[in-house]
Amino acid sequence: MKGKAQSGNALAFGEMGLKALERSWITSQQIESARKAVSHATKRMGKSWVRIFPDKPYTKKAAGSRMGGGKGDIAGYVAVVRPGKVILEITGVTKEIGHRALWLAARKLPIATKLIEK
């Protein structure tokens, strides 16, 4: 996860977006929670895009298992996010509603983000 985001670091679809300032793994549950927050805050007006996809599986062994025995089962999927990556974009809403929606989405994510505009 070294370096900054080389692609996906500018707005491509919307007028406002949420840009990552830290590097992290973001789980599929966290992405869905942020998406729902935007959808609820905008009352499904306008359009939103989720620019990251959780395509990396991570594994976990059972809590009571002994050492050895190989790798654990797949526990979920994560998206690898580097600083500068645009996570969410929205368009078709007023500036105030858009700022509020992206602020609510940022509260659902485990990293520091900033709001960007075209």
PDB file of N, CA and C in Angstrom:
ATOM      1  N   MET A   1       0.817  -1.192   0.000  1.00  0.00           N
ATOM      2  CA  MET A   1       0.000   0.000   0.000  1.00  0.00           C
ATOM      3  C   MET A   1       0.863   1.259   0.000  1.00  0.00           C
ATOM      4  N   LYS A   2       2.098   1.146  -0.473  1.00  0.00           N
ATOM      5  CA  LYS A   2       2.993   2.294  -0.493  1.00  0.00           C
ATOM      6  C   LYS A   2       2.542   3.318  -1.518  1.00  0.00           C
ATOM      7  N   GLY A   3       2.936   4.558  -1.313  1.00  0.00           N
ATOM      8  CA  GLY A   3       2.712   5.606  -2.292  1.00  0.00           C
ATOM      9  C   GLY A   3       1.307   6.173  -2.276  1.00  0.00           C
ATOM     10  N   LYS A   4       1.074   7.080  -3.223  1.00  0.00           N
ATOM     11  CA  LYS A   4      -0.227   7.707  -3.356  1.00  0.00           C
ATOM     12  C   LYS A   4      -0.990   7.069  -4.500  1.00  0.00           C
ATOM     13  N   ALA A   5      -2.296   7.331  -4.569  1.00  0.00           N
ATOM     14  CA  ALA A   5      -3.136   6.778  -5.624  1.00  0.00           C
ATOM     15  C   ALA A   5      -2.723   7.370  -6.965  1.00  0.00           C
ATOM     16  N   GLN A   6      -2.390   6.524  -7.917  1.00  0.00           N
ATOM     17  CA  GLN A   6      -2.002   6.986  -9.248  1.00  0.00           C
ATOM     18  C   GLN A   6      -3.220   7.152 -10.153  1.00  0.00           C
ATOM     19  N   SER A   7      -4.225   6.311  -9.932  1.00  0.00           N
ATOM     20  CA  SER A   7      -5.456   6.424 -10.726  1.00  0.00           C
ATOM     21  C   SER A   7      -6.620   6.597  -9.771  1.00  0.00           C
ATOM     22  N   GLY A   8      -7.696   7.154 -10.272  1.00  0.00           N
ATOM     23  CA  GLY A   8      -8.866   7.371  -9.436  1.00  0.00           C
ATOM     24  C   GLY A   8      -8.661   8.468  -8.417  1.00  0.00           C
ATOM     25  N   ASN A   9      -7.769   9.432  -8.728  1.00  0.00           N
ATOM     26  CA  ASN A   9      -7.471  10.487  -7.767  1.00  0.00           C
ATOM     27  C   ASN A   9      -8.116  11.822  -8.130  1.00  0.00           C
ATOM     28  N   ALA A  10      -9.029  11.818  -9.104  1.00  0.00           N
ATOM     29  CA  ALA A  10      -9.749  13.037  -9.485  1.00  0.00           C
ATOM     30  C   ALA A  10     -11.213  12.689  -9.711  1.00  0.00           C
ATOM     31  N   LEU A  11     -12.065  13.697  -9.620  1.00  0.00           N
ATOM     32  CA  LEU A  11     -13.491  13.471  -9.874  1.00  0.00           C
ATOM     33  C   LEU A  11     -13.684  13.102 -11.342  1.00  0.00           C
ATOM     34  N   ALA A  12     -14.456  12.057 -11.596  1.00  0.00           N
ATOM     35  CA  ALA A  12     -14.688  11.613 -12.967  1.00  0.00           C
ATOM     36  C   ALA A  12     -16.158  11.708 -13.354  1.00  0.00           C
ATOM     37  N   PHE A  13     -17.069  11.543 -12.405  1.00  0.00           N
ATOM     38  CA  PHE A  13     -18.492  11.481 -12.716  1.00  0.00           C
ATOM     39  C   PHE A  13     -19.304  12.594 -12.065  1.00  0.00           C
ATOM     40  N   GLY A  14     -19.040  12.894 -10.817  1.00  0.00           N
ATOM     41  CA  GLY A  14     -19.880  13.800 -10.046  1.00  0.00           C
ATOM     42  C   GLY A  14     -19.293  15.193  -9.888  1.00  0.00           C
ATOM     43  N   GLU A  15     -20.023  16.016  -9.128  1.00  0.00           N
ATOM     44  CA  GLU A  15     -19.604  17.384  -8.852  1.00  0.00           C
ATOM     45  C   GLU A  15     -18.869  17.498  -7.517  1.00  0.00           C
ATOM     46  N   MET A  16     -19.197  16.604  -6.570  1.00  0.00           N
ATOM     47  CA  MET A  16     -18.555  16.580  -5.260  1.00  0.00           C
ATOM     48  C   MET A  16     -18.099  15.163  -4.958  1.00  0.00           C
ATOM     49  N   GLY A  17     -17.054  15.062  -4.149  1.00  0.00           N
ATOM     50  CA  GLY A  17     -16.566  13.733  -3.825  1.00  0.00           C
ATOM     51  C   GLY A  17     -15.879  13.690  -2.473  1.00  0.00           C
ATOM     52  N   LEU A  18     -15.553  12.482  -2.067  1.00  0.00           N
ATOM     53  CA  LEU A  18     -14.872  12.223  -0.810  1.00  0.00           C
ATOM     54  C   LEU A  18     -13.535  11.574  -1.145  1.00  0.00           C
ATOM     55  N   LYS A  19     -12.445  12.237  -0.758  1.00  0.00           N
ATOM     56  CA  LYS A  19     -11.103  11.768  -1.094  1.00  0.00           C
ATOM     57  C   LYS A  19     -10.397  11.271   0.157  1.00  0.00           C
ATOM     58  N   ALA A  20      -9.723  10.125   0.047  1.00  0.00           N
ATOM     59  CA  ALA A  20      -8.995   9.532   1.174  1.00  0.00           C
ATOM     60  C   ALA A  20      -7.708  10.314   1.445  1.00  0.00           C
ATOM     61  N   LEU A  21      -7.389  10.501   2.725  1.00  0.00           N
ATOM     62  CA  LEU A  21      -6.147  11.153   3.126  1.00  0.00           C
ATOM     63  C   LEU A  21      -5.171  10.168   3.764  1.00  0.00           C
ATOM     64  N   GLU A  22      -5.639   8.950   4.061  1.00  0.00           N
ATOM     65  CA  GLU A  22      -4.804   7.922   4.684  1.00  0.00           C
ATOM     66  C   GLU A  22      -4.893   6.634   3.877  1.00  0.00           C
ATOM     67  N   ARG A  23      -4.001   5.733   4.174  1.00  0.00           N
ATOM     68  CA  ARG A  23      -4.048   4.411   3.532  1.00  0.00           C
ATOM     69  C   ARG A  23      -4.705   3.420   4.478  1.00  0.00           C
ATOM     70  N   SER A  24      -5.506   2.520   3.918  1.00  0.00           N
ATOM     71  CA  SER A  24      -6.205   1.553   4.763  1.00  0.00           C
ATOM     72  C   SER A  24      -6.875   0.499   3.908  1.00  0.00           C
ATOM     73  N   TRP A  25      -7.321  -0.549   4.577  1.00  0.00           N
ATOM     74  CA  TRP A  25      -8.259  -1.491   3.977  1.00  0.00           C
ATOM     75  C   TRP A  25      -9.645  -1.057   4.417  1.00  0.00           C
ATOM     76  N   ILE A  26     -10.560  -0.925   3.482  1.00  0.00           N
ATOM     77  CA  ILE A  26     -11.943  -0.589   3.805  1.00  0.00           C
ATOM     78  C   ILE A  26     -12.796  -1.799   3.456  1.00  0.00           C
ATOM     79  N   THR A  27     -13.532  -2.306   4.443  1.00  0.00           N
ATOM     80  CA  THR A  27     -14.318  -3.519   4.242  1.00  0.00           C
ATOM     81  C   THR A  27     -15.576  -3.238   3.431  1.00  0.00           C
ATOM     82  N   SER A  28     -16.151  -4.289   2.888  1.00  0.00           N
ATOM     83  CA  SER A  28     -17.376  -4.158   2.100  1.00  0.00           C
ATOM     84  C   SER A  28     -18.518  -3.625   2.957  1.00  0.00           C
ATOM     85  N   GLN A  29     -18.545  -3.976   4.238  1.00  0.00           N
ATOM     86  CA  GLN A  29     -19.596  -3.474   5.134  1.00  0.00           C
ATOM     87  C   GLN A  29     -19.464  -1.966   5.350  1.00  0.00           C
ATOM     88  N   GLN A  30     -18.240  -1.472   5.475  1.00  0.00           N
ATOM     89  CA  GLN A  30     -18.028  -0.039   5.655  1.00  0.00           C
ATOM     90  C   GLN A  30     -18.407   0.743   4.400  1.00  0.00           C
ATOM     91  N   ILE A  31     -18.090   0.195   3.239  1.00  0.00           N
ATOM     92  CA  ILE A  31     -18.459   0.838   1.969  1.00  0.00           C
ATOM     93  C   ILE A  31     -19.973   0.912   1.844  1.00  0.00           C
ATOM     94  N   GLU A  32     -20.652  -0.178   2.137  1.00  0.00           N
ATOM     95  CA  GLU A  32     -22.115  -0.207   2.045  1.00  0.00           C
ATOM     96  C   GLU A  32     -22.753   0.751   3.046  1.00  0.00           C
ATOM     97  N   SER A  33     -22.195   0.854   4.235  1.00  0.00           N
ATOM     98  CA  SER A  33     -22.714   1.764   5.238  1.00  0.00           C
ATOM     99  C   SER A  33     -22.588   3.219   4.770  1.00  0.00           C
ATOM    100  N   ALA A  34     -21.463   3.570   4.179  1.00  0.00           N
ATOM    101  CA  ALA A  34     -21.265   4.927   3.657  1.00  0.00           C
ATOM    102  C   ALA A  34     -22.217   5.199   2.493  1.00  0.00           C
ATOM    103  N   ARG A  35     -22.404   4.213   1.630  1.00  0.00           N
ATOM    104  CA  ARG A  35     -23.322   4.369   0.493  1.00  0.00           C
ATOM    105  C   ARG A  35     -24.746   4.606   0.978  1.00  0.00           C
ATOM    106  N   LYS A  36     -25.174   3.850   1.983  1.00  0.00           N
ATOM    107  CA  LYS A  36     -26.516   4.020   2.539  1.00  0.00           C
ATOM    108  C   LYS A  36     -26.681   5.391   3.184  1.00  0.00           C
ATOM    109  N   ALA A  37     -25.643   5.880   3.850  1.00  0.00           N
ATOM    110  CA  ALA A  37     -25.699   7.201   4.480  1.00  0.00           C
ATOM    111  C   ALA A  37     -25.910   8.289   3.430  1.00  0.00           C
ATOM    112  N   VAL A  38     -25.206   8.199   2.309  1.00  0.00           N
ATOM    113  CA  VAL A  38     -25.373   9.175   1.224  1.00  0.00           C
ATOM    114  C   VAL A  38     -26.761   9.074   0.641  1.00  0.00           C
ATOM    115  N   SER A  39     -27.220   7.860   0.389  1.00  0.00           N
ATOM    116  CA  SER A  39     -28.550   7.647  -0.194  1.00  0.00           C
ATOM    117  C   SER A  39     -29.645   8.205   0.699  1.00  0.00           C
ATOM    118  N   HIS A  40     -29.507   8.002   2.005  1.00  0.00           N
ATOM    119  CA  HIS A  40     -30.506   8.477   2.951  1.00  0.00           C
ATOM    120  C   HIS A  40     -30.476  10.007   3.076  1.00  0.00           C
ATOM    121  N   ALA A  41     -29.277  10.583   3.119  1.00  0.00           N
ATOM    122  CA  ALA A  41     -29.141  12.030   3.308  1.00  0.00           C
ATOM    123  C   ALA A  41     -29.624  12.811   2.089  1.00  0.00           C
ATOM    124  N   THR A  42     -29.454  12.248   0.889  1.00  0.00           N
ATOM    125  CA  THR A  42     -29.882  12.944  -0.330  1.00  0.00           C
ATOM    126  C   THR A  42     -31.323  12.604  -0.691  1.00  0.00           C
ATOM    127  N   LYS A  43     -31.946  11.740   0.099  1.00  0.00           N
ATOM    128  CA  LYS A  43     -33.312  11.269  -0.178  1.00  0.00           C
ATOM    129  C   LYS A  43     -33.428  10.736  -1.610  1.00  0.00           C
ATOM    130  N   ARG A  44     -32.371  10.092  -2.048  1.00  0.00           N
ATOM    131  CA  ARG A  44     -32.240   9.446  -3.361  1.00  0.00           C
ATOM    132  C   ARG A  44     -32.420  10.416  -4.525  1.00  0.00           C
ATOM    133  N   MET A  45     -32.172  11.701  -4.276  1.00  0.00           N
ATOM    134  CA  MET A  45     -32.126  12.665  -5.378  1.00  0.00           C
ATOM    135  C   MET A  45     -30.729  12.598  -5.979  1.00  0.00           C
ATOM    136  N   GLY A  46     -30.598  13.050  -7.178  1.00  0.00           N
ATOM    137  CA  GLY A  46     -29.289  13.066  -7.810  1.00  0.00           C
ATOM    138  C   GLY A  46     -28.771  11.667  -8.075  1.00  0.00           C
ATOM    139  N   LYS A  47     -27.460  11.562  -8.203  1.00  0.00           N
ATOM    140  CA  LYS A  47     -26.827  10.285  -8.503  1.00  0.00           C
ATOM    141  C   LYS A  47     -25.547  10.186  -7.687  1.00  0.00           C
ATOM    142  N   SER A  48     -25.231   8.972  -7.287  1.00  0.00           N
ATOM    143  CA  SER A  48     -23.996   8.758  -6.532  1.00  0.00           C
ATOM    144  C   SER A  48     -23.216   7.591  -7.133  1.00  0.00           C
ATOM    145  N   TRP A  49     -21.910   7.646  -6.972  1.00  0.00           N
ATOM    146  CA  TRP A  49     -21.021   6.596  -7.458  1.00  0.00           C
ATOM    147  C   TRP A  49     -20.092   6.181  -6.342  1.00  0.00           C
ATOM    148  N   VAL A  50     -19.893   4.881  -6.199  1.00  0.00           N
ATOM    149  CA  VAL A  50     -18.889   4.351  -5.277  1.00  0.00           C
ATOM    150  C   VAL A  50     -17.705   3.967  -6.150  1.00  0.00           C
ATOM    151  N   ARG A  51     -16.572   4.621  -5.939  1.00  0.00           N
ATOM    152  CA  ARG A  51     -15.423   4.466  -6.828  1.00  0.00           C
ATOM    153  C   ARG A  51     -14.441   3.382  -6.396  1.00  0.00           C
ATOM    154  N   ILE A  52     -14.720   2.719  -5.276  1.00  0.00           N
ATOM    155  CA  ILE A  52     -13.842   1.634  -4.834  1.00  0.00           C
ATOM    156  C   ILE A  52     -14.637   0.337  -4.798  1.00  0.00           C
ATOM    157  N   PHE A  53     -13.947  -0.768  -4.976  1.00  0.00           N
ATOM    158  CA  PHE A  53     -14.605  -2.076  -4.962  1.00  0.00           C
ATOM    159  C   PHE A  53     -13.795  -3.037  -4.099  1.00  0.00           C
ATOM    160  N   PRO A  54     -14.456  -3.754  -3.194  1.00  0.00           N
ATOM    161  CA  PRO A  54     -13.731  -4.690  -2.315  1.00  0.00           C
ATOM    162  C   PRO A  54     -13.417  -6.003  -3.036  1.00  0.00           C
ATOM    163  N   ASP A  55     -12.250  -6.083  -3.656  1.00  0.00           N
ATOM    164  CA  ASP A  55     -11.898  -7.258  -4.449  1.00  0.00           C
ATOM    165  C   ASP A  55     -10.759  -8.075  -3.832  1.00  0.00           C
ATOM    166  N   LYS A  56     -10.331  -7.725  -2.629  1.00  0.00           N
ATOM    167  CA  LYS A  56      -9.239  -8.452  -1.977  1.00  0.00           C
ATOM    168  C   LYS A  56      -9.799  -9.254  -0.807  1.00  0.00           C
ATOM    169  N   PRO A  57      -9.723 -10.579  -0.847  1.00  0.00           N
ATOM    170  CA  PRO A  57     -10.224 -11.380   0.276  1.00  0.00           C
ATOM    171  C   PRO A  57      -9.237 -11.357   1.441  1.00  0.00           C
ATOM    172  N   TYR A  58      -9.778 -11.406   2.663  1.00  0.00           N
ATOM    173  CA  TYR A  58      -8.916 -11.564   3.829  1.00  0.00           C
ATOM    174  C   TYR A  58      -9.424 -12.753   4.631  1.00  0.00           C
ATOM    175  N   THR A  59      -8.478 -13.421   5.306  1.00  0.00           N
ATOM    176  CA  THR A  59      -8.809 -14.650   6.017  1.00  0.00           C
ATOM    177  C   THR A  59      -8.692 -14.442   7.516  1.00  0.00           C
ATOM    178  N   LYS A  60      -9.330 -15.354   8.244  1.00  0.00           N
ATOM    179  CA  LYS A  60      -9.274 -15.296   9.700  1.00  0.00           C
ATOM    180  C   LYS A  60      -9.438 -16.714  10.234  1.00  0.00           C
ATOM    181  N   LYS A  61      -8.613 -17.032  11.212  1.00  0.00           N
ATOM    182  CA  LYS A  61      -8.737 -18.345  11.848  1.00  0.00           C
ATOM    183  C   LYS A  61      -9.663 -18.231  13.047  1.00  0.00           C
ATOM    184  N   ALA A  62     -10.281 -19.325  13.422  1.00  0.00           N
ATOM    185  CA  ALA A  62     -11.180 -19.351  14.574  1.00  0.00           C
ATOM    186  C   ALA A  62     -10.422 -18.965  15.844  1.00  0.00           C
ATOM    187  N   ALA A  63     -11.114 -18.335  16.769  1.00  0.00           N
ATOM    188  CA  ALA A  63     -10.473 -17.828  17.984  1.00  0.00           C
ATOM    189  C   ALA A  63      -9.854 -18.945  18.829  1.00  0.00           C
ATOM    190  N   GLY A  64     -10.481 -20.084  18.927  1.00  0.00           N
ATOM    191  CA  GLY A  64      -9.993 -21.154  19.795  1.00  0.00           C
ATOM    192  C   GLY A  64      -9.112 -22.168  19.100  1.00  0.00           C
ATOM    193  N   SER A  65      -8.709 -21.921  17.852  1.00  0.00           N
ATOM    194  CA  SER A  65      -7.923 -22.924  17.125  1.00  0.00           C
ATOM    195  C   SER A  65      -6.451 -22.873  17.544  1.00  0.00           C
ATOM    196  N   ARG A  66      -5.800 -24.015  17.465  1.00  0.00           N
ATOM    197  CA  ARG A  66      -4.392 -24.105  17.832  1.00  0.00           C
ATOM    198  C   ARG A  66      -3.512 -23.653  16.675  1.00  0.00           C
ATOM    199  N   MET A  67      -2.238 -23.468  16.997  1.00  0.00           N
ATOM    200  CA  MET A  67      -1.282 -23.040  15.970  1.00  0.00           C
ATOM    201  C   MET A  67      -1.141 -24.126  14.915  1.00  0.00           C
ATOM    202  N   GLY A  68      -0.819 -23.687  13.684  1.00  0.00           N
ATOM    203  CA  GLY A  68      -0.670 -24.621  12.579  1.00  0.00           C
ATOM    204  C   GLY A  68      -2.014 -24.891  11.927  1.00  0.00           C
ATOM    205  N   GLY A  69      -2.044 -25.856  11.082  1.00  0.00           N
ATOM    206  CA  GLY A  69      -3.300 -26.225  10.428  1.00  0.00           C
ATOM    207  C   GLY A  69      -3.615 -25.401   9.193  1.00  0.00           C
ATOM    208  N   GLY A  70      -2.676 -24.589   8.759  1.00  0.00           N
ATOM    209  CA  GLY A  70      -2.867 -23.844   7.518  1.00  0.00           C
ATOM    210  C   GLY A  70      -3.578 -22.514   7.702  1.00  0.00           C
ATOM    211  N   LYS A  71      -3.941 -21.964   6.573  1.00  0.00           N
ATOM    212  CA  LYS A  71      -4.559 -20.643   6.541  1.00  0.00           C
ATOM    213  C   LYS A  71      -6.031 -20.747   6.907  1.00  0.00           C
ATOM    214  N   GLY A  72      -6.595 -19.691   7.459  1.00  0.00           N
ATOM    215  CA  GLY A  72      -7.992 -19.689   7.854  1.00  0.00           C
ATOM    216  C   GLY A  72      -8.936 -19.495   6.681  1.00  0.00           C
ATOM    217  N   ASP A  73     -10.214 -19.544   6.958  1.00  0.00           N
ATOM    218  CA  ASP A  73     -11.230 -19.354   5.924  1.00  0.00           C
ATOM    219  C   ASP A  73     -11.366 -17.872   5.592  1.00  0.00           C
ATOM    220  N   ILE A  74     -11.913 -17.601   4.398  1.00  0.00           N
ATOM    221  CA  ILE A  74     -12.147 -16.218   3.986  1.00  0.00           C
ATOM    222  C   ILE A  74     -13.205 -15.601   4.890  1.00  0.00           C
ATOM    223  N   ALA A  75     -12.852 -14.472   5.512  1.00  0.00           N
ATOM    224  CA  ALA A  75     -13.760 -13.804   6.453  1.00  0.00           C
ATOM    225  C   ALA A  75     -14.514 -12.670   5.790  1.00  0.00           C
ATOM    226  N   GLY A  76     -13.979 -12.113   4.718  1.00  0.00           N
ATOM    227  CA  GLY A  76     -14.634 -11.009   4.042  1.00  0.00           C
ATOM    228  C   GLY A  76     -13.754 -10.445   2.948  1.00  0.00           C
ATOM    229  N   TYR A  77     -14.177  -9.312   2.395  1.00  0.00           N
ATOM    230  CA  TYR A  77     -13.449  -8.676   1.305  1.00  0.00           C
ATOM    231  C   TYR A  77     -13.189  -7.220   1.653  1.00  0.00           C
ATOM    232  N   VAL A  78     -12.053  -6.710   1.187  1.00  0.00           N
ATOM    233  CA  VAL A  78     -11.674  -5.330   1.450  1.00  0.00           C
ATOM    234  C   VAL A  78     -11.239  -4.647   0.157  1.00  0.00           C
ATOM    235  N   ALA A  79     -11.309  -3.321   0.168  1.00  0.00           N
ATOM    236  CA  ALA A  79     -10.764  -2.502  -0.908  1.00  0.00           C
ATOM    237  C   ALA A  79      -9.503  -1.835  -0.371  1.00  0.00           C
ATOM    238  N   VAL A  80      -8.431  -1.902  -1.121  1.00  0.00           N
ATOM    239  CA  VAL A  80      -7.183  -1.269  -0.727  1.00  0.00           C
ATOM    240  C   VAL A  80      -7.263   0.202  -1.146  1.00  0.00           C
ATOM    241  N   VAL A  81      -7.132   1.114  -0.183  1.00  0.00           N
ATOM    242  CA  VAL A  81      -7.250   2.543  -0.459  1.00  0.00           C
ATOM    243  C   VAL A  81      -5.951   3.240  -0.095  1.00  0.00           C
ATOM    244  N   ARG A  82      -5.423   3.998  -1.047  1.00  0.00           N
ATOM    245  CA  ARG A  82      -4.213   4.783  -0.827  1.00  0.00           C
ATOM    246  C   ARG A  82      -4.587   6.263  -0.710  1.00  0.00           C
ATOM    247  N   PRO A  83      -3.733   7.099  -0.147  1.00  0.00           N
ATOM    248  CA  PRO A  83      -4.047   8.526  -0.056  1.00  0.00           C
ATOM    249  C   PRO A  83      -4.270   9.127  -1.440  1.00  0.00           C
ATOM    250  N   GLY A  84      -5.327   9.924  -1.572  1.00  0.00           N
ATOM    251  CA  GLY A  84      -5.642  10.570  -2.840  1.00  0.00           C
ATOM    252  C   GLY A  84      -6.742   9.886  -3.622  1.00  0.00           C
ATOM    253  N   LYS A  85      -7.128   8.693  -3.230  1.00  0.00           N
ATOM    254  CA  LYS A  85      -8.164   7.953  -3.954  1.00  0.00           C
ATOM    255  C   LYS A  85      -9.539   8.545  -3.669  1.00  0.00           C
ATOM    256  N   VAL A  86     -10.339   8.749  -4.729  1.00  0.00           N
ATOM    257  CA  VAL A  86     -11.709   9.225  -4.564  1.00  0.00           C
ATOM    258  C   VAL A  86     -12.577   8.010  -4.226  1.00  0.00           C
ATOM    259  N   ILE A  87     -13.291   8.100  -3.110  1.00  0.00           N
ATOM    260  CA  ILE A  87     -14.081   6.973  -2.620  1.00  0.00           C
ATOM    261  C   ILE A  87     -15.524   7.060  -3.095  1.00  0.00           C
ATOM    262  N   LEU A  88     -16.127   8.238  -2.950  1.00  0.00           N
ATOM    263  CA  LEU A  88     -17.524   8.463  -3.330  1.00  0.00           C
ATOM    264  C   LEU A  88     -17.635   9.726  -4.165  1.00  0.00           C
ATOM    265  N   GLU A  89     -18.626   9.744  -5.065  1.00  0.00           N
ATOM    266  CA  GLU A  89     -18.940  10.950  -5.821  1.00  0.00           C
ATOM    267  C   GLU A  89     -20.452  11.110  -5.868  1.00  0.00           C
ATOM    268  N   ILE A  90     -20.917  12.363  -5.849  1.00  0.00           N
ATOM    269  CA  ILE A  90     -22.347  12.628  -6.000  1.00  0.00           C
ATOM    270  C   ILE A  90     -22.551  13.824  -6.915  1.00  0.00           C
ATOM    271  N   THR A  91     -23.723  13.884  -7.522  1.00  0.00           N
ATOM    272  CA  THR A  91     -24.115  15.006  -8.364  1.00  0.00           C
ATOM    273  C   THR A  91     -25.629  15.130  -8.345  1.00  0.00           C
ATOM    274  N   GLY A  92     -26.114  16.289  -8.760  1.00  0.00           N
ATOM    275  CA  GLY A  92     -27.552  16.485  -8.869  1.00  0.00           C
ATOM    276  C   GLY A  92     -28.238  16.899  -7.588  1.00  0.00           C
ATOM    277  N   VAL A  93     -27.486  17.323  -6.574  1.00  0.00           N
ATOM    278  CA  VAL A  93     -28.067  17.804  -5.318  1.00  0.00           C
ATOM    279  C   VAL A  93     -27.471  19.180  -5.018  1.00  0.00           C
ATOM    280  N   THR A  94     -28.115  19.908  -4.118  1.00  0.00           N
ATOM    281  CA  THR A  94     -27.591  21.216  -3.741  1.00  0.00           C
ATOM    282  C   THR A  94     -26.280  21.057  -2.978  1.00  0.00           C
ATOM    283  N   LYS A  95     -25.546  22.157  -2.905  1.00  0.00           N
ATOM    284  CA  LYS A  95     -24.248  22.123  -2.245  1.00  0.00           C
ATOM    285  C   LYS A  95     -24.375  21.730  -0.773  1.00  0.00           C
ATOM    286  N   GLU A  96     -25.384  22.279  -0.082  1.00  0.00           N
ATOM    287  CA  GLU A  96     -25.556  22.002   1.344  1.00  0.00           C
ATOM    288  C   GLU A  96     -25.893  20.528   1.584  1.00  0.00           C
ATOM    289  N   ILE A  97     -26.821  20.003   0.789  1.00  0.00           N
ATOM    290  CA  ILE A  97     -27.208  18.590   0.929  1.00  0.00           C
ATOM    291  C   ILE A  97     -26.023  17.683   0.607  1.00  0.00           C
ATOM    292  N   GLY A  98     -25.274  18.025  -0.439  1.00  0.00           N
ATOM    293  CA  GLY A  98     -24.110  17.236  -0.824  1.00  0.00           C
ATOM    294  C   GLY A  98     -23.046  17.213   0.249  1.00  0.00           C
ATOM    295  N   HIS A  99     -22.768  18.370   0.847  1.00  0.00           N
ATOM    296  CA  HIS A  99     -21.766  18.442   1.920  1.00  0.00           C
ATOM    297  C   HIS A  99     -22.210  17.610   3.115  1.00  0.00           C
ATOM    298  N   ARG A 100     -23.482  17.726   3.481  1.00  0.00           N
ATOM    299  CA  ARG A 100     -24.011  16.960   4.618  1.00  0.00           C
ATOM    300  C   ARG A 100     -23.939  15.456   4.352  1.00  0.00           C
ATOM    301  N   ALA A 101     -24.318  15.046   3.140  1.00  0.00           N
ATOM    302  CA  ALA A 101     -24.311  13.619   2.787  1.00  0.00           C
ATOM    303  C   ALA A 101     -22.902  13.047   2.826  1.00  0.00           C
ATOM    304  N   LEU A 102     -21.942  13.767   2.268  1.00  0.00           N
ATOM    305  CA  LEU A 102     -20.563  13.270   2.265  1.00  0.00           C
ATOM    306  C   LEU A 102     -19.952  13.306   3.660  1.00  0.00           C
ATOM    307  N   TRP A 103     -20.354  14.276   4.488  1.00  0.00           N
ATOM    308  CA  TRP A 103     -19.880  14.314   5.871  1.00  0.00           C
ATOM    309  C   TRP A 103     -20.385  13.083   6.623  1.00  0.00           C
ATOM    310  N   LEU A 104     -21.660  12.732   6.413  1.00  0.00           N
ATOM    311  CA  LEU A 104     -22.216  11.538   7.068  1.00  0.00           C
ATOM    312  C   LEU A 104     -21.510  10.268   6.594  1.00  0.00           C
ATOM    313  N   ALA A 105     -21.211  10.207   5.291  1.00  0.00           N
ATOM    314  CA  ALA A 105     -20.504   9.036   4.753  1.00  0.00           C
ATOM    315  C   ALA A 105     -19.099   8.935   5.337  1.00  0.00           C
ATOM    316  N   ALA A 106     -18.433  10.074   5.500  1.00  0.00           N
ATOM    317  CA  ALA A 106     -17.072  10.076   6.045  1.00  0.00           C
ATOM    318  C   ALA A 106     -17.053   9.547   7.471  1.00  0.00           C
ATOM    319  N   ARG A 107     -18.134   9.768   8.217  1.00  0.00           N
ATOM    320  CA  ARG A 107     -18.235   9.269   9.595  1.00  0.00           C
ATOM    321  C   ARG A 107     -18.300   7.744   9.650  1.00  0.00           C
ATOM    322  N   LYS A 108     -18.693   7.114   8.558  1.00  0.00           N
ATOM    323  CA  LYS A 108     -18.811   5.649   8.515  1.00  0.00           C
ATOM    324  C   LYS A 108     -17.494   4.973   8.119  1.00  0.00           C
ATOM    325  N   LEU A 109     -16.525   5.748   7.676  1.00  0.00           N
ATOM    326  CA  LEU A 109     -15.276   5.178   7.186  1.00  0.00           C
ATOM    327  C   LEU A 109     -14.178   5.275   8.243  1.00  0.00           C
ATOM    328  N   PRO A 110     -13.236   4.312   8.256  1.00  0.00           N
ATOM    329  CA  PRO A 110     -12.204   4.267   9.295  1.00  0.00           C
ATOM    330  C   PRO A 110     -10.990   5.148   9.014  1.00  0.00           C
ATOM    331  N   ILE A 111     -11.057   6.015   7.993  1.00  0.00           N
ATOM    332  CA  ILE A 111      -9.901   6.830   7.637  1.00  0.00           C
ATOM    333  C   ILE A 111     -10.288   8.303   7.568  1.00  0.00           C
ATOM    334  N   ALA A 112      -9.284   9.160   7.583  1.00  0.00           N
ATOM    335  CA  ALA A 112      -9.511  10.591   7.407  1.00  0.00           C
ATOM    336  C   ALA A 112      -9.773  10.860   5.921  1.00  0.00           C
ATOM    337  N   THR A 113     -10.752  11.706   5.654  1.00  0.00           N
ATOM    338  CA  THR A 113     -11.106  12.038   4.281  1.00  0.00           C
ATOM    339  C   THR A 113     -11.290  13.547   4.161  1.00  0.00           C
ATOM    340  N   LYS A 114     -11.359  14.023   2.917  1.00  0.00           N
ATOM    341  CA  LYS A 114     -11.690  15.429   2.707  1.00  0.00           C
ATOM    342  C   LYS A 114     -12.682  15.538   1.574  1.00  0.00           C
ATOM    343  N   LEU A 115     -13.465  16.592   1.607  1.00  0.00           N
ATOM    344  CA  LEU A 115     -14.482  16.845   0.599  1.00  0.00           C
ATOM    345  C   LEU A 115     -13.838  17.620  -0.545  1.00  0.00           C
ATOM    346  N   ILE A 116     -14.071  17.179  -1.770  1.00  0.00           N
ATOM    347  CA  ILE A 116     -13.540  17.885  -2.930  1.00  0.00           C
ATOM    348  C   ILE A 116     -14.698  18.252  -3.855  1.00  0.00           C
ATOM    349  N   GLU A 117     -14.501  19.312  -4.616  1.00  0.00           N
ATOM    350  CA  GLU A 117     -15.517  19.777  -5.563  1.00  0.00           C
ATOM    351  C   GLU A 117     -14.864  20.072  -6.905  1.00  0.00           C
ATOM    352  N   LYS A 118     -15.699  20.051  -7.958  1.00  0.00           N
ATOM    353  CA  LYS A 118     -15.210  20.393  -9.284  1.00  0.00           C
ATOM    354  C   LYS A 118     -15.024  21.869  -9.394  1.00  0.00           C
TER     355      LYS A 118
END
